[in-house]
PDB file of N, CA and C in Angstrom:
ATOM      1  N   UNK A   1       0.832  -1.164   0.000  1.00  0.00           N
ATOM      2  CA  UNK A   1       0.000   0.000   0.000  1.00  0.00           C
ATOM      3  C   UNK A   1       0.878   1.230   0.000  1.00  0.00           C
ATOM      4  N   UNK A   2       0.843   1.898  -1.105  1.00  0.00           N
ATOM      5  CA  UNK A   2       1.703   3.056  -1.216  1.00  0.00           C
ATOM      6  C   UNK A   2       0.898   4.302  -1.498  1.00  0.00           C
ATOM      7  N   UNK A   3       1.431   5.127  -2.359  1.00  0.00           N
ATOM      8  CA  UNK A   3       0.788   6.387  -2.702  1.00  0.00           C
ATOM      9  C   UNK A   3      -0.471   6.189  -3.552  1.00  0.00           C
ATOM     10  N   UNK A   4      -0.664   4.989  -4.109  1.00  0.00           N
ATOM     11  CA  UNK A   4      -1.836   4.736  -4.942  1.00  0.00           C
ATOM     12  C   UNK A   4      -3.139   4.780  -4.149  1.00  0.00           C
ATOM     13  N   UNK A   5      -3.088   4.615  -2.826  1.00  0.00           N
ATOM     14  CA  UNK A   5      -4.290   4.623  -1.997  1.00  0.00           C
ATOM     15  C   UNK A   5      -4.988   5.976  -2.020  1.00  0.00           C
ATOM     16  N   UNK A   6      -4.288   7.030  -2.342  1.00  0.00           N
ATOM     17  CA  UNK A   6      -4.880   8.360  -2.353  1.00  0.00           C
ATOM     18  C   UNK A   6      -5.794   8.559  -3.563  1.00  0.00           C
ATOM     19  N   UNK A   7      -5.705   7.708  -4.588  1.00  0.00           N
ATOM     20  CA  UNK A   7      -6.529   7.837  -5.782  1.00  0.00           C
ATOM     21  C   UNK A   7      -7.934   7.256  -5.603  1.00  0.00           C
ATOM     22  N   UNK A   8      -8.146   6.499  -4.563  1.00  0.00           N
ATOM     23  CA  UNK A   8      -9.443   5.863  -4.349  1.00  0.00           C
ATOM     24  C   UNK A   8     -10.440   6.881  -3.815  1.00  0.00           C
ATOM     25  N   UNK A   9     -11.705   6.739  -4.245  1.00  0.00           N
ATOM     26  CA  UNK A   9     -12.781   7.605  -3.773  1.00  0.00           C
ATOM     27  C   UNK A   9     -13.871   6.742  -3.157  1.00  0.00           C
ATOM     28  N   UNK A  10     -14.509   7.268  -2.135  1.00  0.00           N
ATOM     29  CA  UNK A  10     -15.616   6.563  -1.506  1.00  0.00           C
ATOM     30  C   UNK A  10     -16.864   6.764  -2.354  1.00  0.00           C
ATOM     31  N   UNK A  11     -17.558   5.660  -2.638  1.00  0.00           N
ATOM     32  CA  UNK A  11     -18.773   5.716  -3.449  1.00  0.00           C
ATOM     33  C   UNK A  11     -19.936   5.241  -2.596  1.00  0.00           C
ATOM     34  N   UNK A  12     -20.996   6.018  -2.567  1.00  0.00           N
ATOM     35  CA  UNK A  12     -22.187   5.624  -1.822  1.00  0.00           C
ATOM     36  C   UNK A  12     -23.016   4.664  -2.653  1.00  0.00           C
ATOM     37  N   UNK A  13     -23.736   3.810  -1.965  1.00  0.00           N
ATOM     38  CA  UNK A  13     -24.627   2.883  -2.660  1.00  0.00           C
ATOM     39  C   UNK A  13     -25.747   3.629  -3.340  1.00  0.00           C
ATOM     40  N   UNK A  14     -26.144   3.130  -4.475  1.00  0.00           N
ATOM     41  CA  UNK A  14     -27.289   3.720  -5.185  1.00  0.00           C
ATOM     42  C   UNK A  14     -28.506   2.876  -4.919  1.00  0.00           C
ATOM     43  N   UNK A  15     -29.549   3.511  -4.482  1.00  0.00           N
ATOM     44  CA  UNK A  15     -30.810   2.820  -4.241  1.00  0.00           C
ATOM     45  C   UNK A  15     -31.802   3.276  -5.287  1.00  0.00           C
ATOM     46  N   UNK A  16     -32.574   2.336  -5.765  1.00  0.00           N
ATOM     47  CA  UNK A  16     -33.597   2.667  -6.761  1.00  0.00           C
ATOM     48  C   UNK A  16     -34.718   3.432  -6.076  1.00  0.00           C
ATOM     49  N   UNK A  17     -35.021   4.574  -6.601  1.00  0.00           N
ATOM     50  CA  UNK A  17     -36.088   5.395  -6.066  1.00  0.00           C
ATOM     51  C   UNK A  17     -37.406   4.967  -6.680  1.00  0.00           C
ATOM     52  N   UNK A  18     -38.369   4.632  -5.854  1.00  0.00           N
ATOM     53  CA  UNK A  18     -39.705   4.289  -6.324  1.00  0.00           C
ATOM     54  C   UNK A  18     -40.638   5.393  -5.849  1.00  0.00           C
ATOM     55  N   UNK A  19     -40.714   6.470  -6.625  1.00  0.00           N
ATOM     56  CA  UNK A  19     -41.501   7.631  -6.225  1.00  0.00           C
ATOM     57  C   UNK A  19     -42.995   7.390  -6.319  1.00  0.00           C
ATOM     58  N   UNK A  20     -43.391   6.367  -7.060  1.00  0.00           N
ATOM     59  CA  UNK A  20     -44.809   6.092  -7.256  1.00  0.00           C
ATOM     60  C   UNK A  20     -45.223   4.926  -6.367  1.00  0.00           C
ATOM     61  N   UNK A  21     -45.097   5.093  -5.074  1.00  0.00           N
ATOM     62  CA  UNK A  21     -45.435   4.026  -4.144  1.00  0.00           C
ATOM     63  C   UNK A  21     -46.943   3.952  -3.995  1.00  0.00           C
ATOM     64  N   UNK A  22     -47.452   2.753  -4.147  1.00  0.00           N
ATOM     65  CA  UNK A  22     -48.892   2.545  -4.077  1.00  0.00           C
ATOM     66  C   UNK A  22     -49.097   1.208  -3.410  1.00  0.00           C
ATOM     67  N   UNK A  23     -49.450   1.212  -2.140  1.00  0.00           N
ATOM     68  CA  UNK A  23     -49.567  -0.014  -1.372  1.00  0.00           C
ATOM     69  C   UNK A  23     -50.884  -0.726  -1.579  1.00  0.00           C
ATOM     70  N   UNK A  24     -50.984  -1.901  -0.995  1.00  0.00           N
ATOM     71  CA  UNK A  24     -52.178  -2.728  -1.133  1.00  0.00           C
ATOM     72  C   UNK A  24     -53.400  -2.036  -0.519  1.00  0.00           C
ATOM     73  N   UNK A  25     -53.211  -1.340   0.589  1.00  0.00           N
ATOM     74  CA  UNK A  25     -54.348  -0.641   1.208  1.00  0.00           C
ATOM     75  C   UNK A  25     -54.855   0.486   0.313  1.00  0.00           C
ATOM     76  N   UNK A  26     -53.957   1.211  -0.313  1.00  0.00           N
ATOM     77  CA  UNK A  26     -54.366   2.279  -1.230  1.00  0.00           C
ATOM     78  C   UNK A  26     -55.072   1.690  -2.444  1.00  0.00           C
ATOM     79  N   UNK A  27     -54.578   0.562  -2.938  1.00  0.00           N
ATOM     80  CA  UNK A  27     -55.228  -0.109  -4.064  1.00  0.00           C
ATOM     81  C   UNK A  27     -56.625  -0.577  -3.664  1.00  0.00           C
ATOM     82  N   UNK A  28     -56.735  -1.116  -2.465  1.00  0.00           N
ATOM     83  CA  UNK A  28     -58.038  -1.542  -1.947  1.00  0.00           C
ATOM     84  C   UNK A  28     -59.005  -0.367  -1.894  1.00  0.00           C
ATOM     85  N   UNK A  29     -58.550   0.758  -1.358  1.00  0.00           N
ATOM     86  CA  UNK A  29     -59.411   1.939  -1.246  1.00  0.00           C
ATOM     87  C   UNK A  29     -59.789   2.506  -2.611  1.00  0.00           C
ATOM     88  N   UNK A  30     -58.867   2.456  -3.573  1.00  0.00           N
ATOM     89  CA  UNK A  30     -59.140   3.004  -4.902  1.00  0.00           C
ATOM     90  C   UNK A  30     -60.182   2.184  -5.652  1.00  0.00           C
ATOM     91  N   UNK A  31     -60.160   0.867  -5.473  1.00  0.00           N
ATOM     92  CA  UNK A  31     -61.060   0.003  -6.229  1.00  0.00           C
ATOM     93  C   UNK A  31     -62.290  -0.445  -5.443  1.00  0.00           C
ATOM     94  N   UNK A  32     -62.409  -0.017  -4.207  1.00  0.00           N
ATOM     95  CA  UNK A  32     -63.563  -0.382  -3.390  1.00  0.00           C
ATOM     96  C   UNK A  32     -64.868   0.144  -4.002  1.00  0.00           C
ATOM     97  N   UNK A  33     -64.778   1.210  -4.746  1.00  0.00           N
ATOM     98  CA  UNK A  33     -65.932   1.808  -5.421  1.00  0.00           C
ATOM     99  C   UNK A  33     -66.589   0.832  -6.403  1.00  0.00           C
ATOM    100  N   UNK A  34     -65.798  -0.051  -7.023  1.00  0.00           N
ATOM    101  CA  UNK A  34     -66.283  -0.913  -8.096  1.00  0.00           C
ATOM    102  C   UNK A  34     -66.964  -2.183  -7.608  1.00  0.00           C
ATOM    103  N   UNK A  35     -66.838  -2.522  -6.345  1.00  0.00           N
ATOM    104  CA  UNK A  35     -67.483  -3.725  -5.833  1.00  0.00           C
ATOM    105  C   UNK A  35     -66.810  -4.199  -4.562  1.00  0.00           C
ATOM    106  N   UNK A  36     -67.262  -5.364  -4.110  1.00  0.00           N
ATOM    107  CA  UNK A  36     -66.698  -5.953  -2.893  1.00  0.00           C
ATOM    108  C   UNK A  36     -65.372  -6.619  -3.217  1.00  0.00           C
ATOM    109  N   UNK A  37     -64.304  -6.145  -2.591  1.00  0.00           N
ATOM    110  CA  UNK A  37     -62.968  -6.673  -2.845  1.00  0.00           C
ATOM    111  C   UNK A  37     -62.687  -7.793  -1.847  1.00  0.00           C
ATOM    112  N   UNK A  38     -62.257  -8.937  -2.378  1.00  0.00           N
ATOM    113  CA  UNK A  38     -61.915 -10.072  -1.535  1.00  0.00           C
ATOM    114  C   UNK A  38     -60.430 -10.077  -1.195  1.00  0.00           C
ATOM    115  N   UNK A  39     -59.590  -9.677  -2.174  1.00  0.00           N
ATOM    116  CA  UNK A  39     -58.151  -9.792  -1.984  1.00  0.00           C
ATOM    117  C   UNK A  39     -57.427  -8.796  -2.873  1.00  0.00           C
ATOM    118  N   UNK A  40     -56.316  -8.242  -2.378  1.00  0.00           N
ATOM    119  CA  UNK A  40     -55.449  -7.365  -3.153  1.00  0.00           C
ATOM    120  C   UNK A  40     -54.022  -7.877  -3.005  1.00  0.00           C
ATOM    121  N   UNK A  41     -53.335  -8.038  -4.147  1.00  0.00           N
ATOM    122  CA  UNK A  41     -51.963  -8.536  -4.146  1.00  0.00           C
ATOM    123  C   UNK A  41     -51.118  -7.643  -5.043  1.00  0.00           C
ATOM    124  N   UNK A  42     -49.956  -7.212  -4.534  1.00  0.00           N
ATOM    125  CA  UNK A  42     -48.996  -6.455  -5.331  1.00  0.00           C
ATOM    126  C   UNK A  42     -47.676  -7.217  -5.280  1.00  0.00           C
ATOM    127  N   UNK A  43     -47.359  -7.981  -6.336  1.00  0.00           N
ATOM    128  CA  UNK A  43     -46.102  -8.742  -6.330  1.00  0.00           C
ATOM    129  C   UNK A  43     -44.889  -7.832  -6.487  1.00  0.00           C
ATOM    130  N   UNK A  44     -43.736  -8.343  -6.126  1.00  0.00           N
ATOM    131  CA  UNK A  44     -42.495  -7.580  -6.236  1.00  0.00           C
ATOM    132  C   UNK A  44     -42.030  -7.460  -7.685  1.00  0.00           C
ATOM    133  N   UNK A  45     -42.504  -8.343  -8.542  1.00  0.00           N
ATOM    134  CA  UNK A  45     -42.103  -8.339  -9.951  1.00  0.00           C
ATOM    135  C   UNK A  45     -42.570  -7.059 -10.639  1.00  0.00           C
ATOM    136  N   UNK A  46     -41.797  -6.604 -11.613  1.00  0.00           N
ATOM    137  CA  UNK A  46     -42.115  -5.382 -12.351  1.00  0.00           C
ATOM    138  C   UNK A  46     -42.268  -5.687 -13.834  1.00  0.00           C
ATOM    139  N   UNK A  47     -42.949  -4.796 -14.558  1.00  0.00           N
ATOM    140  CA  UNK A  47     -43.098  -4.982 -16.001  1.00  0.00           C
ATOM    141  C   UNK A  47     -41.844  -4.481 -16.723  1.00  0.00           C
ATOM    142  N   UNK A  48     -41.861  -4.511 -18.044  1.00  0.00           N
ATOM    143  CA  UNK A  48     -40.692  -4.113 -18.834  1.00  0.00           C
ATOM    144  C   UNK A  48     -40.302  -2.662 -18.594  1.00  0.00           C
ATOM    145  N   UNK A  49     -41.268  -1.818 -18.279  1.00  0.00           N
ATOM    146  CA  UNK A  49     -40.993  -0.401 -18.022  1.00  0.00           C
ATOM    147  C   UNK A  49     -40.538  -0.121 -16.603  1.00  0.00           C
ATOM    148  N   UNK A  50     -40.443  -1.164 -15.768  1.00  0.00           N
ATOM    149  CA  UNK A  50     -40.009  -0.977 -14.390  1.00  0.00           C
ATOM    150  C   UNK A  50     -41.135  -0.632 -13.441  1.00  0.00           C
ATOM    151  N   UNK A  51     -42.377  -0.682 -13.927  1.00  0.00           N
ATOM    152  CA  UNK A  51     -43.524  -0.353 -13.083  1.00  0.00           C
ATOM    153  C   UNK A  51     -44.052  -1.599 -12.386  1.00  0.00           C
ATOM    154  N   UNK A  52     -44.546  -1.422 -11.184  1.00  0.00           N
ATOM    155  CA  UNK A  52     -45.172  -2.523 -10.453  1.00  0.00           C
ATOM    156  C   UNK A  52     -46.611  -2.660 -10.907  1.00  0.00           C
ATOM    157  N   UNK A  53     -47.173  -3.813 -10.671  1.00  0.00           N
ATOM    158  CA  UNK A  53     -48.569  -4.036 -11.018  1.00  0.00           C
ATOM    159  C   UNK A  53     -49.244  -4.754  -9.873  1.00  0.00           C
ATOM    160  N   UNK A  54     -50.556  -4.668  -9.822  1.00  0.00           N
ATOM    161  CA  UNK A  54     -51.292  -5.283  -8.732  1.00  0.00           C
ATOM    162  C   UNK A  54     -52.535  -5.991  -9.233  1.00  0.00           C
ATOM    163  N   UNK A  55     -53.055  -6.850  -8.390  1.00  0.00           N
ATOM    164  CA  UNK A  55     -54.250  -7.615  -8.712  1.00  0.00           C
ATOM    165  C   UNK A  55     -55.265  -7.436  -7.600  1.00  0.00           C
ATOM    166  N   UNK A  56     -56.525  -7.312  -7.990  1.00  0.00           N
ATOM    167  CA  UNK A  56     -57.608  -7.230  -7.015  1.00  0.00           C
ATOM    168  C   UNK A  56     -58.658  -8.263  -7.401  1.00  0.00           C
ATOM    169  N   UNK A  57     -59.102  -9.033  -6.421  1.00  0.00           N
ATOM    170  CA  UNK A  57     -60.143 -10.047  -6.648  1.00  0.00           C
ATOM    171  C   UNK A  57     -61.452  -9.505  -6.080  1.00  0.00           C
ATOM    172  N   UNK A  58     -62.471  -9.498  -6.921  1.00  0.00           N
ATOM    173  CA  UNK A  58     -63.763  -8.921  -6.555  1.00  0.00           C
ATOM    174  C   UNK A  58     -64.809 -10.009  -6.352  1.00  0.00           C
ATOM    175  N   UNK A  59     -65.778  -9.698  -5.523  1.00  0.00           N
ATOM    176  CA  UNK A  59     -66.915 -10.574  -5.283  1.00  0.00           C
ATOM    177  C   UNK A  59     -68.191  -9.769  -5.515  1.00  0.00           C
ATOM    178  N   UNK A  60     -69.177 -10.390  -6.106  1.00  0.00           N
ATOM    179  CA  UNK A  60     -70.495  -9.777  -6.344  1.00  0.00           C
ATOM    180  C   UNK A  60     -70.403  -8.492  -7.169  1.00  0.00           C
ATOM    181  N   UNK A  61     -69.900  -8.602  -8.373  1.00  0.00           N
ATOM    182  CA  UNK A  61     -69.878  -7.469  -9.303  1.00  0.00           C
ATOM    183  C   UNK A  61     -71.243  -7.419  -9.982  1.00  0.00           C
ATOM    184  N   UNK A  62     -71.881  -6.249  -9.972  1.00  0.00           N
ATOM    185  CA  UNK A  62     -73.238  -6.125 -10.514  1.00  0.00           C
ATOM    186  C   UNK A  62     -73.292  -6.328 -12.019  1.00  0.00           C
ATOM    187  N   UNK A  63     -72.461  -5.621 -12.773  1.00  0.00           N
ATOM    188  CA  UNK A  63     -72.469  -5.706 -14.237  1.00  0.00           C
ATOM    189  C   UNK A  63     -71.044  -6.001 -14.716  1.00  0.00           C
ATOM    190  N   UNK A  64     -70.710  -7.263 -14.962  1.00  0.00           N
ATOM    191  CA  UNK A  64     -69.331  -7.608 -15.340  1.00  0.00           C
ATOM    192  C   UNK A  64     -68.840  -6.921 -16.610  1.00  0.00           C
ATOM    193  N   UNK A  65     -69.709  -6.744 -17.605  1.00  0.00           N
ATOM    194  CA  UNK A  65     -69.299  -6.073 -18.850  1.00  0.00           C
ATOM    195  C   UNK A  65     -68.919  -4.619 -18.587  1.00  0.00           C
ATOM    196  N   UNK A  66     -69.732  -3.904 -17.863  1.00  0.00           N
ATOM    197  CA  UNK A  66     -69.445  -2.509 -17.522  1.00  0.00           C
ATOM    198  C   UNK A  66     -68.205  -2.424 -16.640  1.00  0.00           C
ATOM    199  N   UNK A  67     -68.083  -3.363 -15.722  1.00  0.00           N
ATOM    200  CA  UNK A  67     -66.923  -3.440 -14.842  1.00  0.00           C
ATOM    201  C   UNK A  67     -65.640  -3.604 -15.649  1.00  0.00           C
ATOM    202  N   UNK A  68     -65.661  -4.492 -16.608  1.00  0.00           N
ATOM    203  CA  UNK A  68     -64.503  -4.712 -17.473  1.00  0.00           C
ATOM    204  C   UNK A  68     -64.160  -3.450 -18.267  1.00  0.00           C
ATOM    205  N   UNK A  69     -65.152  -2.781 -18.785  1.00  0.00           N
ATOM    206  CA  UNK A  69     -64.952  -1.569 -19.564  1.00  0.00           C
ATOM    207  C   UNK A  69     -64.324  -0.459 -18.713  1.00  0.00           C
ATOM    208  N   UNK A  70     -64.796  -0.289 -17.509  1.00  0.00           N
ATOM    209  CA  UNK A  70     -64.293   0.770 -16.626  1.00  0.00           C
ATOM    210  C   UNK A  70     -62.862   0.515 -16.163  1.00  0.00           C
ATOM    211  N   UNK A  71     -62.504  -0.746 -15.953  1.00  0.00           N
ATOM    212  CA  UNK A  71     -61.169  -1.071 -15.438  1.00  0.00           C
ATOM    213  C   UNK A  71     -60.122  -1.285 -16.522  1.00  0.00           C
ATOM    214  N   UNK A  72     -60.534  -1.314 -17.762  1.00  0.00           N
ATOM    215  CA  UNK A  72     -59.618  -1.597 -18.863  1.00  0.00           C
ATOM    216  C   UNK A  72     -58.557  -0.501 -18.976  1.00  0.00           C
ATOM    217  N   UNK A  73     -57.295  -0.926 -18.996  1.00  0.00           N
ATOM    218  CA  UNK A  73     -56.142  -0.054 -19.194  1.00  0.00           C
ATOM    219  C   UNK A  73     -55.923   1.001 -18.117  1.00  0.00           C
ATOM    220  N   UNK A  74     -56.266   0.694 -16.888  1.00  0.00           N
ATOM    221  CA  UNK A  74     -55.954   1.607 -15.780  1.00  0.00           C
ATOM    222  C   UNK A  74     -54.473   1.469 -15.468  1.00  0.00           C
ATOM    223  N   UNK A  75     -53.763   2.596 -15.427  1.00  0.00           N
ATOM    224  CA  UNK A  75     -52.342   2.594 -15.076  1.00  0.00           C
ATOM    225  C   UNK A  75     -52.152   3.473 -13.858  1.00  0.00           C
TER     226      UNK A  75
END
């Protein structure tokens, strides 16, 4: 260990910032309007764009066709 040690720099760890945090409870509250929610799951896996996705299981939906139309392509 000689004079070369002075060339080293301390580097801080980089953490991925997830500014769009949306938890299971928030997802439950957002979709509670559409019907009775049985279960909400947000897996750790992400899509190609790096976005997370979630699933909600509903019970007793009044009009499934209208329900499908309203929920289609929600991001």
